[in-house]
Every structure is written in structure tokens, then in C-alpha cells.
C-alpha atoms as a PDB file:
ATOM      1  CA  MET A   1       0.000   0.000   0.000  1.00  0.00           C
ATOM      2  CA  LEU A   2       2.894   2.372   0.652  1.00  0.00           C
ATOM      3  CA  LYS A   3       4.070   1.884  -2.929  1.00  0.00           C
ATOM      4  CA  MET A   4       0.596   2.725  -4.199  1.00  0.00           C
ATOM      5  CA  TYR A   5       0.584   5.885  -2.090  1.00  0.00           C
ATOM      6  CA  ASN A   6       4.175   7.114  -2.505  1.00  0.00           C
ATOM      7  CA  GLU A   7       5.107   5.948  -5.992  1.00  0.00           C
ATOM      8  CA  ASP A   8       1.799   5.624  -7.849  1.00  0.00           C
ATOM      9  CA  LEU A   9       0.483   8.703  -5.964  1.00  0.00           C
ATOM     10  CA  LEU A  10      -2.939   7.177  -5.404  1.00  0.00           C
ATOM     11  CA  SER A  11      -5.320   8.706  -2.871  1.00  0.00           C
ATOM     12  CA  PHE A  12      -6.617   6.774   0.121  1.00  0.00           C
ATOM     13  CA  GLU A  13      -9.900   6.346  -1.721  1.00  0.00           C
ATOM     14  CA  GLN A  14      -8.164   4.867  -4.767  1.00  0.00           C
ATOM     15  CA  ILE A  15      -6.099   2.510  -2.597  1.00  0.00           C
ATOM     16  CA  ALA A  16      -9.267   1.430  -0.766  1.00  0.00           C
ATOM     17  CA  GLU A  17     -10.997   0.701  -4.058  1.00  0.00           C
ATOM     18  CA  ALA A  18      -8.048  -1.369  -5.291  1.00  0.00           C
ATOM     19  CA  THR A  19      -7.694  -3.324  -2.044  1.00  0.00           C
ATOM     20  CA  LYS A  20     -11.420  -3.646  -1.243  1.00  0.00           C
ATOM     21  CA  ALA A  21     -10.919  -1.891   2.113  1.00  0.00           C
ATOM     22  CA  ASP A  22     -12.296   1.219   3.775  1.00  0.00           C
ATOM     23  CA  TRP A  23     -10.271   4.366   3.002  1.00  0.00           C
ATOM     24  CA  TRP A  24     -10.486   5.587   6.579  1.00  0.00           C
ATOM     25  CA  THR A  25      -8.969   2.339   7.858  1.00  0.00           C
ATOM     26  CA  ILE A  26      -6.100   2.711   5.408  1.00  0.00           C
ATOM     27  CA  LYS A  27      -5.486   6.306   6.486  1.00  0.00           C
ATOM     28  CA  GLN A  28      -5.499   5.334  10.173  1.00  0.00           C
ATOM     29  CA  MET A  29      -3.099   2.466   9.442  1.00  0.00           C
ATOM     30  CA  PHE A  30      -0.691   4.871   7.707  1.00  0.00           C
ATOM     31  CA  LYS A  31      -0.869   7.261  10.672  1.00  0.00           C
ATOM     32  CA  ALA A  32      -0.337   4.425  13.178  1.00  0.00           C
ATOM     33  CA  LYS A  33       2.792   3.292  11.336  1.00  0.00           C
ATOM     34  CA  GLY A  34       4.133   6.857  11.171  1.00  0.00           C
ATOM     35  CA  ALA A  35       3.964   7.130   7.395  1.00  0.00           C
ATOM     36  CA  ASN A  36       4.293  10.586   5.889  1.00  0.00           C
ATOM     37  CA  ILE A  37       0.792  11.715   4.846  1.00  0.00           C
ATOM     38  CA  LEU A  38       0.871  14.027   1.831  1.00  0.00           C
ATOM     39  CA  THR A  39      -1.629  16.806   1.383  1.00  0.00           C
ATOM     40  CA  THR A  40      -3.708  16.810  -1.770  1.00  0.00           C
ATOM     41  CA  LYS A  41      -1.616  19.740  -3.001  1.00  0.00           C
ATOM     42  CA  GLU A  42       1.680  17.916  -2.358  1.00  0.00           C
ATOM     43  CA  ARG A  43       0.451  14.759  -4.094  1.00  0.00           C
ATOM     44  CA  GLY A  44      -0.691  16.834  -7.077  1.00  0.00           C
ATOM     45  CA  MET A  45       2.667  18.581  -7.353  1.00  0.00           C
ATOM     46  CA  LYS A  46       4.508  15.238  -7.224  1.00  0.00           C
ATOM     47  CA  ARG A  47       2.189  13.816  -9.894  1.00  0.00           C
ATOM     48  CA  ARG A  48       2.734  16.822 -12.171  1.00  0.00           C
ATOM     49  CA  ALA A  49       6.515  16.604 -11.695  1.00  0.00           C
ATOM     50  CA  ARG A  50       6.367  12.914 -12.578  1.00  0.00           C
ATOM     51  CA  ASP A  51       4.324  13.604 -15.747  1.00  0.00           C
ATOM     52  CA  PHE A  52       6.511  16.494 -16.946  1.00  0.00           C
ATOM     53  CA  GLU A  53       8.994  14.542 -19.060  1.00  0.00           C
ATOM     54  CA  ARG A  54       6.236  12.573 -20.786  1.00  0.00           C
ATOM     55  CA  ILE A  55       4.138  15.663 -21.588  1.00  0.00           C
ATOM     56  CA  TYR A  56       7.186  17.691 -22.652  1.00  0.00           C
ATOM     57  CA  ASN A  57       8.258  14.966 -25.087  1.00  0.00           C
ATOM     58  CA  LEU A  58       4.765  14.563 -26.508  1.00  0.00           C
ATOM     59  CA  HIS A  59       4.221  18.292 -26.981  1.00  0.00           C
ATOM     60  CA  TYR A  60       7.639  19.697 -27.895  1.00  0.00           C
ATOM     61  CA  VAL A  61       9.608  16.733 -29.252  1.00  0.00           C
ATOM     62  CA  GLU A  62       6.856  14.838 -31.066  1.00  0.00           C
ATOM     63  CA  GLY A  63       4.917  18.026 -31.849  1.00  0.00           C
ATOM     64  CA  LEU A  64       1.499  16.862 -30.646  1.00  0.00           C
ATOM     65  CA  SER A  65      -1.072  19.508 -29.824  1.00  0.00           C
ATOM     66  CA  LEU A  66      -2.565  19.570 -26.341  1.00  0.00           C
ATOM     67  CA  THR A  67      -5.883  18.471 -27.838  1.00  0.00           C
ATOM     68  CA  LYS A  68      -4.214  15.459 -29.484  1.00  0.00           C
ATOM     69  CA  ILE A  69      -2.497  14.573 -26.193  1.00  0.00           C
ATOM     70  CA  TYR A  70      -5.894  14.696 -24.506  1.00  0.00           C
ATOM     71  CA  LYS A  71      -7.499  12.454 -27.110  1.00  0.00           C
ATOM     72  CA  ASP A  72      -4.669   9.904 -27.176  1.00  0.00           C
ATOM     73  CA  TYR A  73      -3.421   9.944 -23.570  1.00  0.00           C
ATOM     74  CA  GLU A  74      -6.380  11.411 -21.615  1.00  0.00           C
ATOM     75  CA  LEU A  75      -4.275  14.249 -20.160  1.00  0.00           C
ATOM     76  CA  SER A  76      -6.386  17.400 -20.280  1.00  0.00           C
ATOM     77  CA  PRO A  77      -5.000  20.575 -21.887  1.00  0.00           C
ATOM     78  CA  PRO A  78      -5.252  22.599 -18.630  1.00  0.00           C
ATOM     79  CA  TYR A  79      -3.388  19.831 -16.791  1.00  0.00           C
ATOM     80  CA  CYS A  80      -0.675  19.711 -19.491  1.00  0.00           C
ATOM     81  CA  ARG A  81      -0.253  23.497 -19.390  1.00  0.00           C
ATOM     82  CA  GLN A  82       0.081  23.454 -15.616  1.00  0.00           C
ATOM     83  CA  VAL A  83       2.612  20.603 -15.726  1.00  0.00           C
ATOM     84  CA  LEU A  84       4.715  22.455 -18.287  1.00  0.00           C
ATOM     85  CA  GLN A  85       4.469  25.784 -16.462  1.00  0.00           C
ATOM     86  CA  GLU A  86       5.421  24.327 -13.068  1.00  0.00           C
ATOM     87  CA  ASN A  87       8.311  22.209 -14.301  1.00  0.00           C
ATOM     88  CA  ILE A  88       9.836  24.024 -17.304  1.00  0.00           C
ATOM     89  CA  HIS A  89      12.613  25.327 -15.029  1.00  0.00           C
ATOM     90  CA  LYS A  90      14.031  21.772 -14.967  1.00  0.00           C
ATOM     91  CA  LEU A  91      15.258  22.262 -18.532  1.00  0.00           C
ATOM     92  CA  LYS A  92      17.232  25.392 -17.736  1.00  0.00           C
ATOM     93  CA  LYS A  93      19.711  23.554 -15.466  1.00  0.00           C
END
């Protein structure tokens, strides 16, 4: 479950659905074990950082429009713009 939370960046609700358990029980178990609980904002930022390279390559290297990325990969144009805006500084290093 920790892998699902930390690496796959799934919410407690998504983990509960996958494991057929109650999300509140999962959250309490994480707290009891001292696991680091991410806020929704932190999990979103990690997810966008993880998706940056993929979206950058699709949009700038392969030349796909944001609409085409949405149709083929189900990543919405506003999400793609936010990912690129938040993480473009990684290229300047």
C-alpha cells in the first residue's frame, strides 16, 4: 500500500478501491505506522513533476497539440499546461 501511495500517488480512496478496504482504515493504518501523509496539493505537485517529461516529449519533441495529447493519452489541456508551467525550469539547469 505504501508503494501505491508514494510511488503511484494514489489517494486513500483509490487505494481502498483497489484493495477492497475502507479508506479511513487505510489512512489510520498509515498514521499508526508513522507514514508521511501528503496533502492533496503535495500529491498533485509530485504527480505533475512525474508527468513532466512525458508531456514535454509529446508536446515539444513529437509536436502533438494539447488536444491530441488529450485524445490519445487522456491528459487534459489545462493539466498539461500546468505541468509544463510548473516544471519548465528543470530544462534550464
